Protein backbone atom coordinates (compact mmCIF):
# COMPACT_ATOMS: atom_id res chain seq x y z
CA MET A 1 115.31 90.56 122.27
CA GLU A 2 112.44 88.11 123.07
CA GLN A 3 109.86 90.70 122.06
CA ASP A 4 111.56 91.19 118.68
CA MET A 5 111.53 87.44 118.06
CA ILE A 6 107.78 87.26 118.89
CA TYR A 7 107.21 90.22 116.60
CA GLN A 8 109.07 88.47 113.72
CA ILE A 9 107.31 85.12 114.30
CA CYS A 10 103.89 86.86 114.22
CA GLY A 11 104.83 88.66 111.01
CA TRP A 12 105.95 85.51 109.21
CA LEU A 13 103.03 83.54 110.56
CA ALA A 14 100.66 86.17 109.24
CA SER A 15 102.49 86.12 105.92
CA ILE A 16 102.18 82.32 105.54
CA THR A 17 98.51 82.26 106.38
CA MET A 18 97.70 85.19 104.07
CA VAL A 19 99.47 83.57 101.14
CA MET A 20 97.77 80.22 101.88
CA GLY A 21 94.45 82.06 101.81
CA TYR A 22 95.03 83.65 98.46
CA LEU A 23 96.70 80.87 96.58
CA PRO A 24 93.75 78.43 96.38
CA GLN A 25 91.52 81.09 94.78
CA ALA A 26 94.23 82.17 92.32
CA ILE A 27 95.16 78.62 91.42
CA GLU A 28 91.54 77.61 90.86
CA THR A 29 90.85 80.70 88.78
CA ILE A 30 94.00 80.22 86.61
CA ARG A 31 93.23 76.52 86.19
CA THR A 32 89.56 76.76 85.36
CA ARG A 33 89.25 80.36 84.05
CA ASN A 34 85.94 80.39 85.93
CA THR A 35 85.31 83.80 87.47
CA ASP A 36 81.56 83.45 88.18
CA GLY A 37 80.80 84.78 91.64
CA ILE A 38 84.00 86.87 91.82
CA ALA A 39 83.55 90.61 92.23
CA LEU A 40 85.82 92.63 89.91
CA PRO A 41 86.15 95.61 92.26
CA THR A 42 87.17 93.40 95.13
CA PHE A 43 90.21 92.03 93.42
CA LEU A 44 91.17 95.47 92.18
CA MET A 45 90.98 96.92 95.65
CA MET A 46 92.90 93.95 97.04
CA ALA A 47 95.67 94.57 94.47
CA VAL A 48 95.82 98.29 95.29
CA GLY A 49 95.90 97.52 99.05
CA GLY A 50 98.66 94.95 98.49
CA MET A 51 100.77 97.45 96.57
CA CYS A 52 100.36 99.97 99.37
CA PHE A 53 101.50 97.38 101.99
CA MET A 54 104.47 96.49 99.73
CA LEU A 55 105.47 100.07 99.65
CA GLN A 56 105.05 100.38 103.40
CA GLY A 57 107.25 97.31 103.91
CA ILE A 58 109.99 98.75 101.67
CA LEU A 59 109.88 102.25 103.16
CA HIS A 60 109.92 101.06 106.83
CA LYS A 61 112.92 102.49 108.61
CA PRO A 62 115.42 101.47 109.73
CA ASP A 63 114.86 97.99 108.21
CA VAL A 64 112.72 96.68 105.42
CA LEU A 65 109.75 94.60 106.72
CA TRP A 66 110.39 91.56 104.54
CA ALA A 67 107.40 89.55 105.83
CA LEU A 68 105.01 92.42 104.88
CA PHE A 69 106.75 93.00 101.45
CA ILE A 70 106.97 89.36 100.40
CA THR A 71 103.40 88.52 101.56
CA ASN A 72 101.88 91.38 99.66
CA LEU A 73 104.01 90.78 96.60
CA ILE A 74 102.50 87.35 96.36
CA THR A 75 98.96 88.34 97.23
CA THR A 76 99.04 91.35 94.91
CA THR A 77 100.25 89.14 92.09
CA CYS A 78 97.44 86.66 92.78
CA SER A 79 94.88 89.50 92.96
CA LEU A 80 96.08 91.02 89.67
CA ILE A 81 95.89 87.61 87.92
CA VAL A 82 92.39 86.93 89.14
CA PHE A 83 91.41 90.57 88.26
CA CYS A 84 92.77 90.21 84.76
CA ILE A 85 91.03 86.86 84.11
CA LYS A 86 87.78 88.34 85.48
CA LEU A 87 88.14 91.40 83.29
CA TYR A 88 88.77 89.22 80.23
CA ASN A 89 85.83 86.93 80.97
CA ASP A 90 83.39 89.81 81.64
CA TYR A 91 84.43 92.41 79.06
CA ILE A 92 86.75 91.18 76.40
CA LYS A 93 85.61 87.64 75.77
CA PRO A 94 81.86 88.55 75.22
CA LYS A 95 82.81 91.15 72.63
CA SER A 96 85.00 88.70 70.63
CA LYS A 97 82.12 86.17 70.40
CA SER A 98 79.97 88.48 68.32
């Protein structure tokens, strides 16, 4: 029982710190629309990795790993938002200026 509690605490602590690591970048990018210095492939790979972890959390038997799923739902959403803004800034916006 005690080991299960430690396992759960570690999972939720990891979740909180991961989300707190992603949110500042996503919020800053959404607020300023500045994507200079952000690598497009990085945020694409982060989103794909997050989706895989979400699937792992859902498919875990016998119970869903909610900390894993929720964390990666939030971080994948942040990664996709930053990716889309970066894609717009680098490829769509320059074409519309001409």
